């Protein structure tokens, strides 16, 4: 294509200017990639901090609501009453567990019996949230076993795991006995098998774990479960998974986003900020390319006039300048993507004393395809104005100048 040869020759005729243009585009793309990877890394870090020790989807019994009974023989005010004596529970939990185990999106499942209780030691009384779990899956949702600082995680038939702050308040340590009185009025003497410290205050101060079989008589639930906690391979699929499970099981499915609305709002605001910075980077690229090509078109008015005098159509001139913008944008974008990826990898390798990266950056999520496409397209758009101006040059006027 002859127009491409002419465009390349124009660019190579002034290598310093072309190099500066390409470098400017590459720097803009590097900033684009860095901001995209940083925003993605921050989102991943915040999501992991919130969901790393909690479930992505929680399944609970459906809410029972009194409803109006319709019928020709019934008065309008007749309603179906809801019993407050029968405790809500998941009765078909084996079927639900089979459904979850067959789903490739699920990474861990924790059937639970939860409730309120008090721990009594002499005159000291502390209210706690009891979580009855399968002893083999105690770490399915929260990594409790690696956080044990006293004793071990072997719950057994009468074992109890408590948080470090709760243990300090009651003066307890592994091996000691404690009286547990549940909300159902059932009491039992249990043994502290282990004390954990997760760093999460809500866990360390108010939660105690015991085995599922031990929890059943304490909360008078011989068959059912109070909730099923689910971990997903991708936390971002929690909403879709919750909708699927609600339809498939008729249970109340709550994704982690609904329990952390403030975090979700912060992530949305963070994403908008990153988009604005990316937009300004693209605008600066477009302005730089447009101004350089306008100057180039003005300097080459005499050459364009000679070509037009020889009968070269205006569309050819138009293509020459458009292809210049395309080449500048494409080469600059490729170099910028490569340098941006290298910068992200380098920053990711800078770690603190604990071995964690100083910057929560995700090099694999730098938006390289978007940067390449948007920059190349922006460069072509930036060249439209100078290209149209050059294609409309009057041959006689241009030669006289």
Foldseek 3Di string as FASTA:
>chain_A
DVLLVLLVCLCVVDVVLLVVLLQLLLVLLLVLLQLQQQLVLVLVVVCCVLQVQFFQKKWFADDDDKAFDDDPPDDRPDIDDDDPVDDGFAQPVVVVVVVQVPDQFFDAKWFWAWFKKWKDDPPDIDIAIEIATALVCPPRRGNFQVFWPAAGSPQPQFEKEAAPQQCVVVVHGFQDWIWIATPVRDIDIGGHRTYGYPVDCNRRHHYMYHHNVNVCVRVVNPRGTRMMGTHGPDSVCSVVVQVVCCVVPVTRMDGVCVVVVVSVVVSVVSVVVSVVSSVVSLVVSLVSLLVSLLVSLVVCLQVLLVCVVVPDALVSLLSSLLSSLLVSQQSSLVSSLVVSLVVQVVQQCPADPVRGRPRSGRSVRSCSVVSNVSSSVSSSVSSNVSSNVSSPRNSVVSNVD
